[in-house]
Amino acid sequence: MLSKTFIFLFFSSFSFSIVVAQNLTPTSFSQLAFNGEEFLGYDSFGYYYQIKNNVFSKIKETEIFEYKNVSLGKITKVDLQNPLKIVLFYEDFNTVILLDNQLNETSRINFSQNTEPIVATAVGMSSQNQLWVYNSLNQQIGLFDYLKNEYKTVSTPFAENIKYYQTDFNTFYWIDEKNNWFSCTIFGKTTTLGKIPRFDEVALLNSNQFLFSKANLLYLKDNRDVNSEAVSEIKISEKTFTKFRYKDQILSIFTPKEITNYKIVIP
């Protein structure tokens, strides 16, 4: 058990302070040379995903699958929850592409053609052949059934714009521009989950815990202790990094040249 020592870090340039309660040291177990522009993570089959020159790729050793669609502009968001049904969101064209496990296009959804007006600014895979959709026209979350081509609103209007969002099959999580953290279930139950420190990157682990980076340092915060602002610093070897990804106790650190994978046990 690590002794609880408190370290105060101040970054006056962006009026930000962190209280570090303890350090977590993950174990590095692999590195991967990387020449993509954006690393998106791994799936349970050992493939990793990237974007380079607006081409979406799935790679494992010498096996490579690719998907590109120049007519839809830049890929805004990728949802890899189901590697057999991958979601690509092209916000500029209000369109979602669904891909199979070999990156063949299986469905194309243009929200501009829907009978109910939708301008999507957030999209993710939900359950039962549905997509999460944040409709900026009414500032509400909805569920779009892509087989029936039906849309239903499930949330009340948002008070603030979305700064970051993340979804699983049953829940839409978001952080607003005031760094308030919320969740909404498929049944429309909305819950306030707390406050998020200012961050460069963030990954929501569950309804209590999240990882975030600031100024090339990486932290874990647990909101179950409502009386503590303390965080745990995750001690990685990289002095600078572009992004990080976390899934199933694997922390992947992305630099412009390589991916380093760490094993980490979240308390």
Protein backbone atom coordinates (compact mmCIF):
# COMPACT_ATOMS: atom_id res chain seq x y z
CA MET A 1 0.00 0.00 0.00
CA LEU A 2 1.47 3.27 -1.05
CA SER A 3 1.66 5.94 1.60
CA LYS A 4 -0.51 8.90 0.82
CA THR A 5 1.71 11.88 0.12
CA PHE A 6 0.22 15.02 -1.30
CA ILE A 7 1.94 17.02 -3.99
CA PHE A 8 0.48 20.27 -5.27
CA LEU A 9 1.12 21.11 -8.90
CA PHE A 10 0.34 24.58 -10.22
CA PHE A 11 0.27 25.67 -13.86
CA SER A 12 -0.43 29.39 -13.79
CA SER A 13 -0.56 29.70 -17.57
CA PHE A 14 -3.95 28.00 -17.63
CA SER A 15 -5.10 28.53 -14.00
CA PHE A 16 -4.99 24.83 -13.23
CA SER A 17 -4.08 22.97 -10.05
CA ILE A 18 -3.86 19.27 -9.22
CA VAL A 19 -3.45 17.49 -5.91
CA VAL A 20 -1.56 14.22 -6.38
CA ALA A 21 -2.29 11.67 -3.63
CA GLN A 22 -0.20 8.76 -4.90
CA ASN A 23 1.60 7.38 -7.94
CA LEU A 24 0.58 4.42 -10.08
CA THR A 25 3.35 2.73 -12.07
CA PRO A 26 2.12 0.62 -15.00
CA THR A 27 4.29 -2.06 -16.59
CA SER A 28 5.43 -1.60 -20.19
CA PHE A 29 5.13 -4.83 -22.20
CA SER A 30 5.26 -3.93 -25.91
CA GLN A 31 6.11 -1.20 -28.40
CA LEU A 32 4.91 -0.72 -31.94
CA ALA A 33 6.47 1.47 -34.63
CA PHE A 34 3.75 3.79 -35.88
CA ASN A 35 3.50 6.10 -38.88
CA GLY A 36 -0.19 7.00 -38.81
CA GLU A 37 -1.69 10.35 -37.93
CA GLU A 38 -4.09 9.08 -35.27
CA PHE A 39 -4.02 5.90 -33.22
CA LEU A 40 -7.53 4.68 -32.34
CA GLY A 41 -6.84 1.63 -30.20
CA TYR A 42 -6.91 -2.16 -30.29
CA ASP A 43 -9.69 -4.70 -30.49
CA SER A 44 -9.93 -8.02 -28.66
CA PHE A 45 -8.55 -9.84 -31.73
CA GLY A 46 -5.19 -8.01 -31.64
CA TYR A 47 -5.82 -5.61 -34.53
CA TYR A 48 -5.07 -1.94 -34.10
CA TYR A 49 -6.80 0.92 -35.89
CA GLN A 50 -5.48 4.17 -37.26
CA ILE A 51 -6.25 7.10 -39.53
CA LYS A 52 -3.72 8.41 -42.02
CA ASN A 53 -4.50 10.82 -44.87
CA ASN A 54 -8.17 10.36 -43.95
CA VAL A 55 -7.89 6.61 -44.65
CA PHE A 56 -9.22 4.36 -41.89
CA SER A 57 -7.09 1.21 -41.43
CA LYS A 58 -7.20 -2.03 -39.46
CA ILE A 59 -3.78 -3.65 -39.05
CA LYS A 60 -2.30 -6.79 -37.54
CA GLU A 61 1.28 -7.66 -38.50
CA THR A 62 1.19 -7.93 -42.34
CA GLU A 63 -2.62 -8.00 -42.58
CA ILE A 64 -4.13 -4.64 -43.52
CA PHE A 65 -7.72 -3.59 -44.26
CA GLU A 66 -8.55 -0.06 -45.40
CA TYR A 67 -11.58 2.13 -45.95
CA LYS A 68 -11.61 5.57 -47.54
CA ASN A 69 -14.38 7.82 -48.77
CA VAL A 70 -13.15 11.10 -50.19
CA SER A 71 -16.69 12.26 -50.99
CA LEU A 72 -17.62 12.57 -47.30
CA GLY A 73 -14.71 14.71 -46.15
CA LYS A 74 -12.84 14.19 -42.90
CA ILE A 75 -13.57 11.35 -40.47
CA THR A 76 -14.82 13.01 -37.29
CA LYS A 77 -15.27 10.07 -34.93
CA VAL A 78 -14.74 6.30 -34.93
CA ASP A 79 -16.60 3.89 -32.65
CA LEU A 80 -14.86 0.53 -32.18
CA GLN A 81 -17.11 -0.97 -29.50
CA ASN A 82 -18.20 -3.73 -31.86
CA PRO A 83 -15.34 -4.73 -34.23
CA LEU A 84 -17.93 -6.52 -36.38
CA LYS A 85 -19.90 -3.29 -36.82
CA ILE A 86 -17.63 -0.25 -36.80
CA VAL A 87 -19.08 3.26 -36.87
CA LEU A 88 -17.46 6.07 -38.87
CA PHE A 89 -18.99 9.51 -38.39
CA TYR A 90 -18.50 12.23 -41.03
CA GLU A 91 -19.89 15.33 -39.34
CA ASP A 92 -19.41 17.72 -42.28
CA PHE A 93 -21.81 15.60 -44.37
CA ASN A 94 -24.13 14.59 -41.49
CA THR A 95 -23.45 10.96 -42.38
CA VAL A 96 -22.54 7.68 -40.68
CA ILE A 97 -20.92 4.68 -42.36
CA LEU A 98 -21.14 1.20 -40.82
CA LEU A 99 -18.34 -1.25 -41.65
CA ASP A 100 -17.95 -4.99 -41.16
CA ASN A 101 -14.81 -6.64 -39.76
CA GLN A 102 -13.06 -6.42 -43.16
CA LEU A 103 -13.99 -2.73 -43.45
CA ASN A 104 -16.60 -3.30 -46.14
CA GLU A 105 -19.37 -0.72 -46.09
CA THR A 106 -22.62 -2.32 -44.91
CA SER A 107 -24.80 0.75 -44.26
CA ARG A 108 -24.80 4.44 -45.02
CA ILE A 109 -27.00 6.78 -42.98
CA ASN A 110 -27.47 10.35 -44.15
CA PHE A 111 -29.31 12.13 -41.33
CA SER A 112 -30.18 14.98 -43.68
CA GLN A 113 -32.57 12.61 -45.46
CA ASN A 114 -34.45 11.68 -42.28
CA THR A 115 -38.11 12.67 -42.01
CA GLU A 116 -37.38 14.32 -38.67
CA PRO A 117 -34.68 16.99 -39.05
CA ILE A 118 -31.35 15.87 -37.56
CA VAL A 119 -28.01 17.64 -37.54
CA ALA A 120 -25.71 15.22 -35.74
CA THR A 121 -22.70 16.47 -33.82
CA ALA A 122 -22.14 13.31 -31.73
CA VAL A 123 -22.70 9.68 -32.76
CA GLY A 124 -21.94 6.31 -31.18
CA MET A 125 -23.05 2.68 -31.29
CA SER A 126 -25.90 1.75 -28.95
CA SER A 127 -27.82 -1.50 -28.44
CA GLN A 128 -30.53 -3.20 -30.53
CA ASN A 129 -29.49 -1.87 -33.95
CA GLN A 130 -29.47 1.71 -32.70
CA LEU A 131 -27.07 4.64 -32.80
CA TRP A 132 -26.68 7.32 -30.18
CA VAL A 133 -27.18 10.71 -31.85
CA TYR A 134 -26.86 14.17 -30.37
CA ASN A 135 -29.07 16.40 -32.49
CA SER A 136 -27.78 19.97 -32.39
CA LEU A 137 -31.10 21.29 -33.74
CA ASN A 138 -32.91 20.59 -30.49
CA GLN A 139 -29.80 20.00 -28.32
CA GLN A 140 -31.07 16.58 -27.26
CA ILE A 141 -29.82 13.01 -27.35
CA GLY A 142 -31.75 10.53 -29.44
CA LEU A 143 -31.61 6.91 -30.60
CA PHE A 144 -31.65 6.13 -34.32
CA ASP A 145 -32.71 2.64 -35.43
CA TYR A 146 -30.68 2.17 -38.60
CA LEU A 147 -32.66 -0.89 -39.73
CA LYS A 148 -36.09 0.73 -39.34
CA ASN A 149 -34.84 4.23 -40.15
CA GLU A 150 -36.63 5.54 -37.05
CA TYR A 151 -35.48 8.20 -34.59
CA LYS A 152 -36.65 8.98 -31.05
CA THR A 153 -35.49 11.63 -28.61
CA VAL A 154 -34.59 10.38 -25.13
CA SER A 155 -33.09 13.34 -23.24
CA THR A 156 -34.12 16.83 -22.25
CA PRO A 157 -32.31 19.76 -23.95
CA PHE A 158 -28.73 20.41 -22.88
CA ALA A 159 -27.90 23.62 -21.03
CA GLU A 160 -24.34 23.71 -22.40
CA ASN A 161 -22.57 22.49 -25.52
CA ILE A 162 -20.70 19.18 -25.55
CA LYS A 163 -16.93 19.41 -25.04
CA TYR A 164 -16.30 15.64 -25.06
CA TYR A 165 -18.48 12.56 -25.35
CA GLN A 166 -18.11 8.82 -25.06
CA THR A 167 -20.67 6.04 -25.43
CA ASP A 168 -21.25 2.41 -24.63
CA PHE A 169 -24.21 0.29 -25.69
CA ASN A 170 -26.44 1.50 -22.84
CA THR A 171 -25.12 4.93 -21.87
CA PHE A 172 -24.19 8.24 -23.48
CA TYR A 173 -21.58 10.11 -21.40
CA TRP A 174 -20.61 13.72 -22.00
CA ILE A 175 -18.62 16.58 -20.53
CA ASP A 176 -19.95 20.06 -21.17
CA GLU A 177 -17.99 23.24 -21.75
CA LYS A 178 -17.98 23.96 -18.01
CA ASN A 179 -16.40 20.54 -17.41
CA ASN A 180 -19.52 19.08 -15.82
CA TRP A 181 -19.86 15.32 -16.39
CA PHE A 182 -23.22 13.67 -17.17
CA SER A 183 -24.70 10.39 -18.35
CA CYS A 184 -27.93 9.45 -20.11
CA THR A 185 -29.28 5.90 -20.40
CA ILE A 186 -31.20 4.45 -23.32
CA PHE A 187 -34.34 5.03 -21.21
CA GLY A 188 -33.58 8.73 -20.88
CA LYS A 189 -32.43 8.80 -17.26
CA THR A 190 -29.91 11.63 -16.93
CA THR A 191 -27.43 11.72 -14.04
CA THR A 192 -24.90 14.34 -12.97
CA LEU A 193 -21.63 12.50 -12.32
CA GLY A 194 -19.43 15.31 -11.05
CA LYS A 195 -16.79 17.73 -12.19
CA ILE A 196 -13.81 16.99 -14.45
CA PRO A 197 -10.50 18.89 -14.06
CA ARG A 198 -9.28 20.79 -17.08
CA PHE A 199 -7.74 18.32 -19.50
CA ASP A 200 -5.99 17.85 -22.82
CA GLU A 201 -7.29 14.28 -23.28
CA VAL A 202 -9.74 12.24 -21.24
CA ALA A 203 -11.02 8.64 -21.12
CA LEU A 204 -14.08 7.75 -19.06
CA LEU A 205 -13.66 4.30 -17.47
CA ASN A 206 -17.06 4.03 -15.77
CA SER A 207 -19.52 6.33 -14.02
CA ASN A 208 -16.97 7.15 -11.28
CA GLN A 209 -13.44 6.89 -12.67
CA PHE A 210 -11.62 8.57 -15.52
CA LEU A 211 -8.12 9.07 -16.89
CA PHE A 212 -7.01 12.48 -18.08
CA SER A 213 -3.86 14.18 -19.30
CA LYS A 214 -2.65 17.71 -18.84
CA ALA A 215 0.73 19.18 -19.81
CA ASN A 216 2.12 15.74 -20.77
CA LEU A 217 1.24 14.20 -17.40
CA LEU A 218 -1.33 11.43 -16.98
CA TYR A 219 -3.72 11.03 -14.04
CA LEU A 220 -6.46 8.81 -12.63
CA LYS A 221 -9.37 10.38 -10.74
CA ASP A 222 -12.04 8.56 -8.74
CA ASN A 223 -15.15 10.61 -7.99
CA ARG A 224 -16.49 8.14 -5.43
CA ASP A 225 -14.63 10.12 -2.79
CA VAL A 226 -16.73 13.27 -3.06
CA ASN A 227 -14.71 15.03 -0.36
CA SER A 228 -11.35 14.64 -2.10
CA GLU A 229 -9.92 16.47 -5.08
CA ALA A 230 -6.85 14.23 -5.05
CA VAL A 231 -5.77 12.25 -8.11
CA SER A 232 -3.22 9.51 -8.77
CA GLU A 233 -0.45 10.26 -11.22
CA ILE A 234 0.32 7.46 -13.68
CA LYS A 235 4.09 7.31 -14.11
CA ILE A 236 4.95 6.51 -17.71
CA SER A 237 8.37 6.76 -19.35
CA GLU A 238 7.29 9.13 -22.17
CA LYS A 239 8.11 12.76 -21.44
CA THR A 240 5.79 13.92 -24.21
CA PHE A 241 2.93 12.13 -25.91
CA THR A 242 0.16 12.94 -28.36
CA LYS A 243 -2.74 10.84 -27.06
CA PHE A 244 -3.52 7.83 -24.95
CA ARG A 245 -6.06 4.99 -25.13
CA TYR A 246 -7.28 2.63 -22.42
CA LYS A 247 -9.13 -0.67 -22.75
CA ASP A 248 -9.28 -3.82 -20.61
CA GLN A 249 -6.36 -2.81 -18.33
CA ILE A 250 -4.16 -1.93 -21.31
CA LEU A 251 -2.93 1.67 -21.50
CA SER A 252 -1.58 2.67 -24.92
CA ILE A 253 0.54 5.81 -25.20
CA PHE A 254 0.74 7.34 -28.67
CA THR A 255 3.74 9.41 -29.76
CA PRO A 256 4.42 10.52 -33.36
CA LYS A 257 6.76 7.55 -33.86
CA GLU A 258 5.48 4.66 -31.77
CA ILE A 259 2.84 3.14 -29.53
CA THR A 260 3.89 1.90 -26.10
CA ASN A 261 1.52 -0.50 -24.35
CA TYR A 262 1.37 -0.73 -20.56
CA LYS A 263 -0.42 -3.12 -18.26
CA ILE A 264 -2.19 -1.17 -15.53
CA VAL A 265 -4.47 -2.25 -12.72
CA ILE A 266 -6.99 0.44 -11.86
CA PRO A 267 -7.74 0.41 -8.11
